[in-house]
Amino acid sequence: MESITDIEIYPIISLLIFFIFFVALFYWVITAKKEYITTVSNLPLDHNNNTTS
């Protein structure tokens, strides 16, 4: 691996992508409206939908 030039940047980029993704996800969860969370969490239990499987 030492023969590949500038390979040491790839783990840093991967860590940054991972960290930014989960910080953004955490921010979205904290700022999500409670009504939306309740609606989405009740979707599997909703028996009034018109979809056929």
Protein backbone atom coordinates (compact mmCIF):
# COMPACT_ATOMS: atom_id res chain seq x y z
CA MET A 1 0.00 0.00 0.00
CA GLU A 2 2.93 2.36 0.42
CA SER A 3 3.48 2.29 -3.33
CA ILE A 4 0.18 4.09 -4.01
CA THR A 5 0.65 7.83 -3.90
CA ASP A 6 -1.57 9.80 -1.49
CA ILE A 7 -3.48 6.74 -0.26
CA GLU A 8 -3.48 8.03 3.31
CA ILE A 9 -6.24 10.53 2.43
CA TYR A 10 -8.89 7.83 1.76
CA PRO A 11 -9.42 6.74 5.40
CA ILE A 12 -9.75 10.40 6.41
CA ILE A 13 -12.32 11.05 3.68
CA SER A 14 -14.25 7.92 4.69
CA LEU A 15 -14.30 9.00 8.34
CA LEU A 16 -15.49 12.49 7.40
CA ILE A 17 -18.31 11.13 5.21
CA PHE A 18 -19.37 8.76 7.99
CA PHE A 19 -19.26 11.49 10.64
CA ILE A 20 -21.09 14.10 8.53
CA PHE A 21 -23.81 11.61 7.60
CA PHE A 22 -24.57 10.70 11.20
CA VAL A 23 -24.41 14.30 12.41
CA ALA A 24 -26.91 15.26 9.70
CA LEU A 25 -29.12 12.29 10.60
CA PHE A 26 -28.99 13.22 14.29
CA TYR A 27 -29.90 16.83 13.43
CA TRP A 28 -32.85 15.65 11.30
CA VAL A 29 -34.13 13.41 14.11
CA ILE A 30 -33.88 16.19 16.68
CA THR A 31 -35.63 18.76 14.47
CA ALA A 32 -38.33 16.45 13.05
CA LYS A 33 -41.89 17.34 13.94
CA LYS A 34 -43.58 15.04 16.42
CA GLU A 35 -46.67 14.80 14.20
CA TYR A 36 -44.57 13.46 11.32
CA ILE A 37 -42.84 10.91 13.56
CA THR A 38 -46.20 9.72 14.91
CA THR A 39 -47.68 9.43 11.40
CA VAL A 40 -44.73 7.48 10.05
CA SER A 41 -44.53 5.20 13.08
CA ASN A 42 -48.21 4.29 12.74
CA LEU A 43 -48.01 3.44 9.03
CA PRO A 44 -47.37 -0.30 9.54
CA LEU A 45 -50.40 -0.46 11.85
CA ASP A 46 -52.75 1.50 9.60
CA HIS A 47 -55.53 -0.80 8.38
CA ASN A 48 -57.30 1.90 6.37
CA ASN A 49 -54.91 1.94 3.43
CA ASN A 50 -56.01 0.91 -0.05
CA THR A 51 -52.90 -0.94 -1.19
CA THR A 52 -53.03 -4.54 -2.28
CA SER A 53 -50.18 -6.95 -1.89
